[in-house]
N, C-alpha and C. Protein backbone atom coordinates (compact mmCIF):
# COMPACT_ATOMS: atom_id res chain seq x y z
N MET A 1 -13.87 10.50 53.86
CA MET A 1 -14.98 9.83 53.61
C MET A 1 -16.12 9.96 54.49
N THR A 2 -17.36 10.71 54.14
CA THR A 2 -18.23 10.75 54.60
C THR A 2 -19.29 9.96 54.96
N PRO A 3 -19.73 9.97 55.92
CA PRO A 3 -20.65 8.41 56.14
C PRO A 3 -21.84 7.76 55.56
N PHE A 4 -22.13 9.08 54.99
CA PHE A 4 -23.46 8.86 53.90
C PHE A 4 -22.84 8.31 52.38
N LEU A 5 -21.77 8.70 52.20
CA LEU A 5 -20.76 8.08 51.09
C LEU A 5 -20.44 6.99 51.44
N ALA A 6 -20.12 6.92 52.76
CA ALA A 6 -19.62 4.87 52.81
C ALA A 6 -20.93 4.03 52.99
N ALA A 7 -21.97 4.96 53.58
CA ALA A 7 -22.78 3.71 53.68
C ALA A 7 -23.65 3.44 52.01
N SER A 8 -23.61 4.44 51.24
CA SER A 8 -24.40 4.16 49.80
C SER A 8 -23.18 3.25 48.84
N ALA A 9 -21.85 3.42 49.46
CA ALA A 9 -20.66 2.62 48.74
C ALA A 9 -20.87 1.16 49.42
N LEU A 10 -21.39 1.27 50.51
CA LEU A 10 -21.47 -0.24 50.97
C LEU A 10 -22.65 -1.18 50.33
N LEU A 11 -24.14 -0.03 50.43
CA LEU A 11 -25.17 -0.37 49.82
C LEU A 11 -25.12 -0.98 48.44
N LEU A 12 -24.23 -0.05 47.52
CA LEU A 12 -24.12 -0.80 45.94
C LEU A 12 -23.17 -2.02 46.12
N ALA A 13 -22.23 -2.36 46.75
CA ALA A 13 -21.47 -3.42 47.00
C ALA A 13 -22.33 -4.57 47.15
N VAL A 14 -23.26 -4.32 48.11
CA VAL A 14 -23.93 -5.72 48.63
C VAL A 14 -25.05 -6.16 47.47
N THR A 15 -25.77 -4.71 46.84
CA THR A 15 -26.65 -5.00 45.73
C THR A 15 -25.85 -5.68 44.61
N PHE A 16 -24.93 -5.16 44.26
CA PHE A 16 -24.08 -5.71 42.96
C PHE A 16 -23.27 -7.25 43.38
N GLY A 17 -23.22 -7.62 44.82
CA GLY A 17 -23.07 -8.55 45.52
C GLY A 17 -24.31 -9.92 45.30
N TYR A 18 -25.28 -9.32 45.58
CA TYR A 18 -26.51 -10.06 45.38
C TYR A 18 -26.79 -10.27 44.06
N ILE A 19 -26.60 -9.42 43.38
CA ILE A 19 -26.86 -9.33 41.37
C ILE A 19 -26.13 -10.37 41.27
N ALA A 20 -24.29 -10.32 41.29
CA ALA A 20 -23.88 -11.45 40.94
C ALA A 20 -23.91 -12.85 41.60
N LEU A 21 -24.73 -12.75 42.77
CA LEU A 21 -24.62 -14.51 43.35
C LEU A 21 -26.19 -14.85 42.19
N CYS A 22 -27.12 -14.18 42.46
CA CYS A 22 -28.49 -14.51 41.52
C CYS A 22 -27.97 -14.84 40.16
N ALA A 23 -27.06 -14.34 39.52
CA ALA A 23 -26.34 -14.85 38.16
C ALA A 23 -25.47 -15.94 38.15
N ALA A 24 -24.66 -16.20 39.28
CA ALA A 24 -24.01 -17.43 39.16
C ALA A 24 -25.01 -18.57 39.49
N SER A 25 -25.84 -18.36 40.31
CA SER A 25 -26.61 -19.79 41.27
C SER A 25 -27.67 -18.93 41.44
N PRO A 26 -28.70 -19.32 40.34
CA PRO A 26 -30.13 -18.96 40.63
C PRO A 26 -31.43 -19.32 41.73
N PHE A 27 -30.38 -20.21 42.12
CA PHE A 27 -31.16 -21.29 42.99
C PHE A 27 -30.41 -21.75 44.36
N GLY A 28 -31.14 -21.46 45.00
CA GLY A 28 -30.65 -22.11 47.10
C GLY A 28 -31.57 -22.64 47.34
N ASN A 29 -31.02 -23.43 48.32
CA ASN A 29 -31.89 -24.23 49.42
C ASN A 29 -33.11 -24.18 49.69
N CYS A 30 -33.72 -24.91 49.78
CA CYS A 30 -35.30 -24.35 50.21
C CYS A 30 -34.94 -24.48 51.54
N ARG A 31 -35.73 -23.28 52.28
CA ARG A 31 -35.83 -22.94 53.66
C ARG A 31 -36.57 -23.93 54.46
N LYS A 32 -37.69 -24.36 54.08
CA LYS A 32 -38.24 -25.11 55.06
C LYS A 32 -37.68 -26.50 55.36
N CYS A 33 -36.81 -27.40 54.52
CA CYS A 33 -36.06 -28.56 54.39
C CYS A 33 -34.65 -28.89 54.24
N ASN A 34 -34.37 -27.37 54.43
CA ASN A 34 -32.92 -26.96 54.21
C ASN A 34 -32.24 -27.70 52.90
N GLY A 35 -32.73 -27.77 51.88
CA GLY A 35 -32.10 -28.54 50.83
C GLY A 35 -32.35 -29.98 50.62
N LEU A 36 -33.09 -30.44 51.84
CA LEU A 36 -32.97 -32.12 51.43
C LEU A 36 -34.61 -32.61 50.81
N GLY A 37 -35.32 -31.78 51.02
CA GLY A 37 -36.28 -32.37 49.67
C GLY A 37 -37.21 -33.14 50.68
N PHE A 38 -37.15 -33.05 52.21
CA PHE A 38 -37.83 -34.04 52.66
C PHE A 38 -37.96 -33.32 54.10
N ALA A 39 -38.92 -34.04 55.28
CA ALA A 39 -39.11 -33.05 56.44
C ALA A 39 -38.23 -34.41 56.93
N LEU A 40 -36.89 -34.45 58.27
CA LEU A 40 -36.62 -35.25 58.97
C LEU A 40 -37.54 -35.32 59.98
N THR A 41 -37.77 -36.72 60.55
CA THR A 41 -38.26 -37.22 61.83
C THR A 41 -37.20 -38.06 62.06
N THR A 42 -37.62 -38.41 63.50
CA THR A 42 -36.82 -39.03 64.41
C THR A 42 -38.01 -40.43 64.95
N ASP A 43 -36.98 -41.95 64.55
CA ASP A 43 -38.28 -42.75 65.35
C ASP A 43 -38.14 -42.74 66.89
N ARG A 44 -38.58 -43.96 67.19
CA ARG A 44 -38.72 -44.17 68.59
C ARG A 44 -37.50 -44.11 69.64
N LYS A 45 -36.47 -44.58 68.50
CA LYS A 45 -35.29 -44.98 69.08
C LYS A 45 -34.30 -43.53 69.18
N GLY A 46 -34.71 -42.40 68.27
CA GLY A 46 -34.05 -41.03 68.28
C GLY A 46 -33.06 -41.26 67.04
N LYS A 47 -33.26 -42.02 65.76
CA LYS A 47 -32.55 -42.28 64.70
C LYS A 47 -33.21 -41.25 63.66
N PRO A 48 -32.50 -40.75 63.10
CA PRO A 48 -33.08 -39.93 62.20
C PRO A 48 -34.04 -40.33 60.63
N LYS A 49 -35.00 -40.11 60.42
CA LYS A 49 -35.67 -41.12 59.64
C LYS A 49 -36.19 -40.17 58.53
N ARG A 50 -36.40 -40.80 56.96
CA ARG A 50 -37.00 -39.68 56.11
C ARG A 50 -38.24 -39.54 56.64
N GLY A 51 -38.82 -38.47 56.39
CA GLY A 51 -40.48 -37.87 56.37
C GLY A 51 -41.01 -37.64 55.33
N LYS A 52 -42.31 -36.93 55.15
CA LYS A 52 -42.89 -36.50 54.41
C LYS A 52 -42.32 -35.92 53.09
N THR A 53 -42.52 -35.50 51.64
CA THR A 53 -42.24 -34.66 50.62
C THR A 53 -42.35 -33.39 51.30
N CYS A 54 -41.22 -32.29 50.79
CA CYS A 54 -41.47 -31.20 51.13
C CYS A 54 -42.84 -30.48 50.17
N ARG A 55 -43.43 -29.67 50.99
CA ARG A 55 -44.45 -29.09 50.16
C ARG A 55 -43.97 -28.13 49.12
N ARG A 56 -43.59 -27.52 49.67
CA ARG A 56 -42.87 -25.82 49.16
C ARG A 56 -41.82 -26.14 48.00
N CYS A 57 -41.32 -27.12 47.86
CA CYS A 57 -40.26 -27.13 47.04
C CYS A 57 -40.60 -28.53 46.03
N LYS A 58 -41.43 -29.07 46.68
CA LYS A 58 -42.18 -30.81 46.04
C LYS A 58 -40.82 -31.74 46.08
N GLY A 59 -40.26 -31.24 46.89
CA GLY A 59 -38.93 -32.77 46.88
C GLY A 59 -37.93 -32.32 46.34
N HIS A 60 -37.55 -31.00 45.46
CA HIS A 60 -36.29 -30.89 45.01
C HIS A 60 -35.41 -30.30 45.80
N GLY A 61 -35.91 -29.71 46.65
CA GLY A 61 -34.77 -28.81 47.77
C GLY A 61 -34.32 -28.34 47.21
N ILE A 62 -34.56 -27.43 46.33
CA ILE A 62 -34.11 -25.89 45.99
C ILE A 62 -35.27 -24.99 45.80
N ARG A 63 -35.18 -24.05 45.87
CA ARG A 63 -35.94 -22.45 45.44
C ARG A 63 -35.34 -21.45 44.62
N ILE A 64 -35.99 -21.06 43.83
CA ILE A 64 -35.18 -19.52 43.09
C ILE A 64 -35.19 -18.59 43.71
N ARG A 65 -34.32 -18.10 43.78
CA ARG A 65 -33.76 -17.22 44.63
C ARG A 65 -34.89 -15.67 44.08
N VAL A 66 -35.02 -14.54 45.25
CA VAL A 66 -36.15 -13.37 45.01
C VAL A 66 -35.45 -12.86 43.66
N GLY A 67 -34.21 -12.45 43.67
CA GLY A 67 -33.89 -11.58 42.81
C GLY A 67 -33.71 -12.03 41.33
N ARG A 68 -33.62 -13.83 41.21
CA ARG A 68 -33.35 -13.97 39.73
C ARG A 68 -35.15 -13.94 39.33
N HIS A 69 -36.25 -14.39 40.57
CA HIS A 69 -37.24 -14.33 40.36
C HIS A 69 -38.05 -12.81 39.75
N LEU A 70 -37.35 -11.43 40.66
CA LEU A 70 -37.56 -10.63 40.00
C LEU A 70 -37.06 -10.21 38.72
N PHE A 71 -36.11 -10.87 38.07
CA PHE A 71 -35.38 -10.65 36.74
C PHE A 71 -35.93 -11.64 35.56
N ASN A 72 -36.42 -12.56 36.02
CA ASN A 72 -37.41 -13.30 35.19
C ASN A 72 -38.50 -13.07 34.76
N ILE A 73 -39.13 -12.01 36.04
CA ILE A 73 -40.57 -11.50 35.55
C ILE A 73 -40.15 -10.16 34.56
N ALA A 74 -39.28 -9.44 34.57
CA ALA A 74 -38.71 -8.27 34.17
C ALA A 74 -38.37 -8.63 32.62
N ALA A 75 -37.66 -9.73 32.64
CA ALA A 75 -37.43 -10.09 31.28
C ALA A 75 -38.43 -10.88 30.40
N ARG A 76 -38.96 -11.40 30.95
CA ARG A 76 -40.64 -12.15 30.13
C ARG A 76 -41.55 -10.55 29.85
N LEU A 77 -41.70 -9.80 30.88
CA LEU A 77 -42.40 -8.47 30.56
C LEU A 77 -41.63 -7.36 29.35
N HIS A 78 -40.31 -7.34 29.37
CA HIS A 78 -39.69 -6.96 28.35
C HIS A 78 -40.00 -7.41 26.73
N ARG A 79 -39.48 -8.96 27.00
CA ARG A 79 -39.52 -10.03 25.82
C ARG A 79 -41.16 -10.05 25.45
N ASP A 80 -42.04 -9.81 26.08
CA ASP A 80 -43.86 -9.66 25.32
C ASP A 80 -43.85 -8.63 25.28
N GLY A 81 -43.49 -7.29 25.64
CA GLY A 81 -43.77 -5.88 25.23
C GLY A 81 -43.05 -6.02 23.57
N THR A 82 -41.92 -6.25 23.39
CA THR A 82 -41.77 -6.33 22.41
C THR A 82 -41.57 -6.88 21.02
N ARG A 83 -42.57 -8.10 21.17
CA ARG A 83 -42.99 -8.97 20.23
C ARG A 83 -43.46 -8.13 19.05
């Protein structure tokens, strides 16, 4: 197996794996709050305390994946163009 063929097969496998992930689970954890929906702060004793609500995910703790967002845009464009 040539290196080009192996690299292209690996790239195809990663691409289809990401497509399957976006189809099965379109939402992932928010990168800013790690899926909590708020920032963790600590009090003076060092105990974790709930902070402000995350502005990126608006307190939901989830975000839409990039692949799913691109799929939604393409589907909306196709739906609007065929009406």
